[in-house]
Amino acid sequence: MRRWLDVLIELVRRAVATARHAERGTGRTTRSIGPTARPVEPGVHIEYTPQLDGDPDPGEVVWTWVPFEEDPSLGKDRPVVIIGRSGDRLSGVALTSRASAGRSDIVEVGTGPWDSQGRPSYAKVERLLQIEPAAVRREGAILNRRRFDAVVQAVDRLHDVSR
């Protein structure tokens, strides 16, 4: 009984220490009351107007909280390519470093400063997100126009977007 209690106390101590050092918005899975990114209504206006000025713009890779598909109240901080606007909100697609051979719903965008490990990234075009500009944690980089156009072309095959 004493050993079990010592193990339990150690687990609680580690959990408390981890919680104290957890930085909000750094990729940890968290539960959210209202998602900051959500599926987009039809009619996104595509534009390429990147400016690394502190404000998120179409054509940039930014970091924001993205809900999981299976449970939108859970999600994680992810890089997202902003491809346009839908009203006052931004529209974009999440990036992943996991390649899935032969899938038509991902587009390779290469490497960039948004990934500290320099891994190739892939845009997940099957899921278009709507993002509140104030919810963007930081700008990551400008995606070059050729890669941006490839992402938009793939998005256009699956979603209602206008140019």
C-alpha atoms as a PDB file:
ATOM      1  CA  MET A   1       0.000   0.000   0.000  1.00  0.00           C
ATOM      2  CA  ARG A   2       2.785   2.433   0.878  1.00  0.00           C
ATOM      3  CA  ARG A   3       4.573   1.855  -2.476  1.00  0.00           C
ATOM      4  CA  TRP A   4       1.344   2.506  -4.426  1.00  0.00           C
ATOM      5  CA  LEU A   5       0.812   5.752  -2.509  1.00  0.00           C
ATOM      6  CA  ASP A   6       4.414   6.862  -3.223  1.00  0.00           C
ATOM      7  CA  VAL A   7       3.917   6.187  -6.934  1.00  0.00           C
ATOM      8  CA  LEU A   8       0.660   8.163  -6.958  1.00  0.00           C
ATOM      9  CA  ILE A   9       2.254  11.109  -5.152  1.00  0.00           C
ATOM     10  CA  GLU A  10       5.142  11.139  -7.641  1.00  0.00           C
ATOM     11  CA  LEU A  11       2.718  11.112 -10.607  1.00  0.00           C
ATOM     12  CA  VAL A  12       0.763  14.038  -9.151  1.00  0.00           C
ATOM     13  CA  ARG A  13       3.991  15.946  -8.439  1.00  0.00           C
ATOM     14  CA  ARG A  14       5.142  15.492 -12.063  1.00  0.00           C
ATOM     15  CA  ALA A  15       1.752  16.548 -13.425  1.00  0.00           C
ATOM     16  CA  VAL A  16       1.784  19.730 -11.338  1.00  0.00           C
ATOM     17  CA  ALA A  17       5.355  20.537 -12.399  1.00  0.00           C
ATOM     18  CA  THR A  18       4.455  20.016 -16.059  1.00  0.00           C
ATOM     19  CA  ALA A  19       1.352  22.201 -15.766  1.00  0.00           C
ATOM     20  CA  ARG A  20       3.382  25.020 -14.224  1.00  0.00           C
ATOM     21  CA  HIS A  21       5.827  25.008 -17.129  1.00  0.00           C
ATOM     22  CA  ALA A  22       3.319  24.513 -19.948  1.00  0.00           C
ATOM     23  CA  GLU A  23       3.297  27.508 -22.238  1.00  0.00           C
ATOM     24  CA  ARG A  24      -0.070  28.327 -23.695  1.00  0.00           C
ATOM     25  CA  GLY A  25      -0.378  27.929 -27.456  1.00  0.00           C
ATOM     26  CA  THR A  26       2.798  25.912 -28.035  1.00  0.00           C
ATOM     27  CA  GLY A  27       1.319  22.776 -29.544  1.00  0.00           C
ATOM     28  CA  ARG A  28      -0.095  21.162 -26.452  1.00  0.00           C
ATOM     29  CA  THR A  29      -3.514  19.629 -26.878  1.00  0.00           C
ATOM     30  CA  THR A  30      -6.022  21.766 -25.028  1.00  0.00           C
ATOM     31  CA  ARG A  31      -9.782  21.913 -24.678  1.00  0.00           C
ATOM     32  CA  SER A  32     -11.389  25.085 -25.906  1.00  0.00           C
ATOM     33  CA  ILE A  33     -14.841  26.470 -25.243  1.00  0.00           C
ATOM     34  CA  GLY A  34     -15.089  28.028 -28.696  1.00  0.00           C
ATOM     35  CA  PRO A  35     -12.708  27.143 -31.522  1.00  0.00           C
ATOM     36  CA  THR A  36     -10.648  29.982 -32.966  1.00  0.00           C
ATOM     37  CA  ALA A  37     -10.570  28.200 -36.324  1.00  0.00           C
ATOM     38  CA  ARG A  38     -13.602  26.524 -37.844  1.00  0.00           C
ATOM     39  CA  PRO A  39     -14.821  25.182 -41.211  1.00  0.00           C
ATOM     40  CA  VAL A  40     -15.446  27.927 -43.762  1.00  0.00           C
ATOM     41  CA  GLU A  41     -18.716  28.886 -45.387  1.00  0.00           C
ATOM     42  CA  PRO A  42     -18.672  28.806 -49.228  1.00  0.00           C
ATOM     43  CA  GLY A  43     -17.394  31.854 -51.091  1.00  0.00           C
ATOM     44  CA  VAL A  44     -13.866  32.520 -49.833  1.00  0.00           C
ATOM     45  CA  HIS A  45     -12.160  35.406 -51.647  1.00  0.00           C
ATOM     46  CA  ILE A  46      -8.616  34.319 -52.595  1.00  0.00           C
ATOM     47  CA  GLU A  47      -5.818  36.880 -52.503  1.00  0.00           C
ATOM     48  CA  TYR A  48      -2.023  36.942 -52.226  1.00  0.00           C
ATOM     49  CA  THR A  49      -1.021  39.996 -50.191  1.00  0.00           C
ATOM     50  CA  PRO A  50       1.713  38.904 -47.752  1.00  0.00           C
ATOM     51  CA  GLN A  51       3.470  41.531 -45.611  1.00  0.00           C
ATOM     52  CA  LEU A  52       5.475  40.512 -42.548  1.00  0.00           C
ATOM     53  CA  ASP A  53       4.182  43.460 -40.542  1.00  0.00           C
ATOM     54  CA  GLY A  54       2.768  41.717 -37.485  1.00  0.00           C
ATOM     55  CA  ASP A  55      -0.699  41.268 -38.993  1.00  0.00           C
ATOM     56  CA  PRO A  56      -1.690  37.959 -40.628  1.00  0.00           C
ATOM     57  CA  ASP A  57      -2.198  38.287 -44.388  1.00  0.00           C
ATOM     58  CA  PRO A  58      -3.072  35.924 -47.251  1.00  0.00           C
ATOM     59  CA  GLY A  59       0.114  34.344 -48.578  1.00  0.00           C
ATOM     60  CA  GLU A  60       1.657  33.920 -45.122  1.00  0.00           C
ATOM     61  CA  VAL A  61       2.165  30.892 -42.933  1.00  0.00           C
ATOM     62  CA  VAL A  62       0.938  31.756 -39.439  1.00  0.00           C
ATOM     63  CA  TRP A  63       0.525  29.869 -36.163  1.00  0.00           C
ATOM     64  CA  THR A  64      -2.920  29.507 -34.612  1.00  0.00           C
ATOM     65  CA  TRP A  65      -5.016  27.040 -32.669  1.00  0.00           C
ATOM     66  CA  VAL A  66      -6.703  24.490 -34.967  1.00  0.00           C
ATOM     67  CA  PRO A  67      -9.467  22.178 -33.691  1.00  0.00           C
ATOM     68  CA  PHE A  68      -9.272  18.432 -34.271  1.00  0.00           C
ATOM     69  CA  GLU A  69     -11.775  17.111 -36.814  1.00  0.00           C
ATOM     70  CA  GLU A  70     -13.081  14.366 -34.529  1.00  0.00           C
ATOM     71  CA  ASP A  71     -13.636  16.707 -31.552  1.00  0.00           C
ATOM     72  CA  PRO A  72     -13.698  20.463 -32.321  1.00  0.00           C
ATOM     73  CA  SER A  73     -13.432  21.298 -28.615  1.00  0.00           C
ATOM     74  CA  LEU A  74      -9.881  19.858 -28.712  1.00  0.00           C
ATOM     75  CA  GLY A  75      -7.058  21.091 -30.882  1.00  0.00           C
ATOM     76  CA  LYS A  76      -3.496  22.262 -31.048  1.00  0.00           C
ATOM     77  CA  ASP A  77      -1.351  25.159 -32.195  1.00  0.00           C
ATOM     78  CA  ARG A  78      -0.417  24.558 -35.847  1.00  0.00           C
ATOM     79  CA  PRO A  79       1.061  26.372 -38.836  1.00  0.00           C
ATOM     80  CA  VAL A  80      -1.636  27.462 -41.304  1.00  0.00           C
ATOM     81  CA  VAL A  81      -1.304  28.877 -44.829  1.00  0.00           C
ATOM     82  CA  ILE A  82      -3.638  31.858 -45.143  1.00  0.00           C
ATOM     83  CA  ILE A  83      -5.131  31.794 -48.654  1.00  0.00           C
ATOM     84  CA  GLY A  84      -7.802  34.494 -48.486  1.00  0.00           C
ATOM     85  CA  ARG A  85     -10.653  36.081 -46.591  1.00  0.00           C
ATOM     86  CA  SER A  86     -14.241  35.306 -45.779  1.00  0.00           C
ATOM     87  CA  GLY A  87     -15.749  38.543 -44.500  1.00  0.00           C
ATOM     88  CA  ASP A  88     -13.646  39.798 -41.566  1.00  0.00           C
ATOM     89  CA  ARG A  89     -12.078  36.388 -41.021  1.00  0.00           C
ATOM     90  CA  LEU A  90      -9.078  34.779 -42.663  1.00  0.00           C
ATOM     91  CA  SER A  91      -9.306  31.500 -44.554  1.00  0.00           C
ATOM     92  CA  GLY A  92      -6.531  28.943 -44.638  1.00  0.00           C
ATOM     93  CA  VAL A  93      -5.392  25.345 -44.537  1.00  0.00           C
ATOM     94  CA  ALA A  94      -3.310  23.643 -41.871  1.00  0.00           C
ATOM     95  CA  LEU A  95       0.185  22.372 -42.568  1.00  0.00           C
ATOM     96  CA  THR A  96       1.560  19.021 -41.492  1.00  0.00           C
ATOM     97  CA  SER A  97       5.022  17.478 -41.688  1.00  0.00           C
ATOM     98  CA  ARG A  98       3.540  14.018 -42.291  1.00  0.00           C
ATOM     99  CA  ALA A  99       3.492  12.995 -45.933  1.00  0.00           C
ATOM    100  CA  SER A 100       0.870  10.550 -47.108  1.00  0.00           C
ATOM    101  CA  ALA A 101       1.920   9.034 -50.418  1.00  0.00           C
ATOM    102  CA  GLY A 102      -0.650   9.122 -53.168  1.00  0.00           C
ATOM    103  CA  ARG A 103      -3.166  11.355 -51.374  1.00  0.00           C
ATOM    104  CA  SER A 104      -4.808  14.033 -53.493  1.00  0.00           C
ATOM    105  CA  ASP A 105      -5.889  16.106 -50.498  1.00  0.00           C
ATOM    106  CA  ILE A 106      -2.382  17.275 -49.551  1.00  0.00           C
ATOM    107  CA  VAL A 107      -0.028  19.587 -51.434  1.00  0.00           C
ATOM    108  CA  GLU A 108       3.711  19.752 -50.765  1.00  0.00           C
ATOM    109  CA  VAL A 109       4.808  23.299 -49.906  1.00  0.00           C
ATOM    110  CA  GLY A 110       8.421  22.461 -49.086  1.00  0.00           C
ATOM    111  CA  THR A 111      10.437  23.739 -46.163  1.00  0.00           C
ATOM    112  CA  GLY A 112      10.363  27.103 -44.472  1.00  0.00           C
ATOM    113  CA  PRO A 113      11.074  28.987 -41.262  1.00  0.00           C
ATOM    114  CA  TRP A 114       7.669  27.960 -39.877  1.00  0.00           C
ATOM    115  CA  ASP A 115       9.236  24.548 -39.056  1.00  0.00           C
ATOM    116  CA  SER A 116      12.200  24.822 -36.698  1.00  0.00           C
ATOM    117  CA  GLN A 117      13.416  21.351 -37.727  1.00  0.00           C
ATOM    118  CA  GLY A 118      13.453  22.182 -41.446  1.00  0.00           C
ATOM    119  CA  ARG A 119      11.082  19.355 -42.372  1.00  0.00           C
ATOM    120  CA  PRO A 120       9.071  19.458 -45.630  1.00  0.00           C
ATOM    121  CA  SER A 121       5.494  20.596 -45.038  1.00  0.00           C
ATOM    122  CA  TYR A 122       2.239  19.623 -46.700  1.00  0.00           C
ATOM    123  CA  ALA A 123      -0.974  21.671 -46.927  1.00  0.00           C
ATOM    124  CA  LYS A 124      -4.062  19.694 -45.883  1.00  0.00           C
ATOM    125  CA  VAL A 125      -6.452  21.113 -48.512  1.00  0.00           C
ATOM    126  CA  GLU A 126      -9.463  18.938 -47.688  1.00  0.00           C
ATOM    127  CA  ARG A 127     -10.229  21.113 -44.673  1.00  0.00           C
ATOM    128  CA  LEU A 128     -10.591  24.850 -45.183  1.00  0.00           C
ATOM    129  CA  LEU A 129     -10.470  26.827 -41.926  1.00  0.00           C
ATOM    130  CA  GLN A 130     -11.896  30.180 -40.913  1.00  0.00           C
ATOM    131  CA  ILE A 131      -9.628  32.061 -38.515  1.00  0.00           C
ATOM    132  CA  GLU A 132     -10.123  35.142 -36.386  1.00  0.00           C
ATOM    133  CA  PRO A 133      -7.150  37.460 -37.109  1.00  0.00           C
ATOM    134  CA  ALA A 134      -6.753  38.198 -33.379  1.00  0.00           C
ATOM    135  CA  ALA A 135      -6.362  34.454 -32.689  1.00  0.00           C
ATOM    136  CA  VAL A 136      -3.179  34.202 -34.776  1.00  0.00           C
ATOM    137  CA  ARG A 137      -0.294  33.713 -32.387  1.00  0.00           C
ATOM    138  CA  ARG A 138       2.490  34.711 -34.785  1.00  0.00           C
ATOM    139  CA  GLU A 139       3.495  35.085 -38.409  1.00  0.00           C
ATOM    140  CA  GLY A 140       5.841  32.359 -39.568  1.00  0.00           C
ATOM    141  CA  ALA A 141       6.876  33.288 -43.098  1.00  0.00           C
ATOM    142  CA  ILE A 142       5.737  34.264 -46.562  1.00  0.00           C
ATOM    143  CA  LEU A 143       4.896  31.300 -48.798  1.00  0.00           C
ATOM    144  CA  ASN A 144       6.295  31.878 -52.290  1.00  0.00           C
ATOM    145  CA  ARG A 145       3.741  32.585 -55.002  1.00  0.00           C
ATOM    146  CA  ARG A 146       4.269  29.322 -56.919  1.00  0.00           C
ATOM    147  CA  ARG A 147       3.600  27.209 -53.822  1.00  0.00           C
ATOM    148  CA  PHE A 148       0.691  29.437 -52.820  1.00  0.00           C
ATOM    149  CA  ASP A 149      -0.904  28.987 -56.268  1.00  0.00           C
ATOM    150  CA  ALA A 150      -0.497  25.180 -56.030  1.00  0.00           C
ATOM    151  CA  VAL A 151      -2.290  25.188 -52.663  1.00  0.00           C
ATOM    152  CA  VAL A 152      -5.100  27.418 -53.982  1.00  0.00           C
ATOM    153  CA  GLN A 153      -5.533  25.240 -57.081  1.00  0.00           C
ATOM    154  CA  ALA A 154      -5.946  22.137 -54.890  1.00  0.00           C
ATOM    155  CA  VAL A 155      -8.320  23.973 -52.535  1.00  0.00           C
ATOM    156  CA  ASP A 156     -10.370  25.172 -55.524  1.00  0.00           C
ATOM    157  CA  ARG A 157     -10.965  21.556 -56.617  1.00  0.00           C
ATOM    158  CA  LEU A 158     -12.596  20.764 -53.256  1.00  0.00           C
ATOM    159  CA  HIS A 159     -14.161  24.040 -52.051  1.00  0.00           C
ATOM    160  CA  ASP A 160     -16.126  27.040 -53.336  1.00  0.00           C
ATOM    161  CA  VAL A 161     -13.561  29.826 -53.608  1.00  0.00           C
ATOM    162  CA  SER A 162     -13.434  32.944 -55.789  1.00  0.00           C
ATOM    163  CA  ARG A 163     -10.451  34.801 -57.186  1.00  0.00           C
END
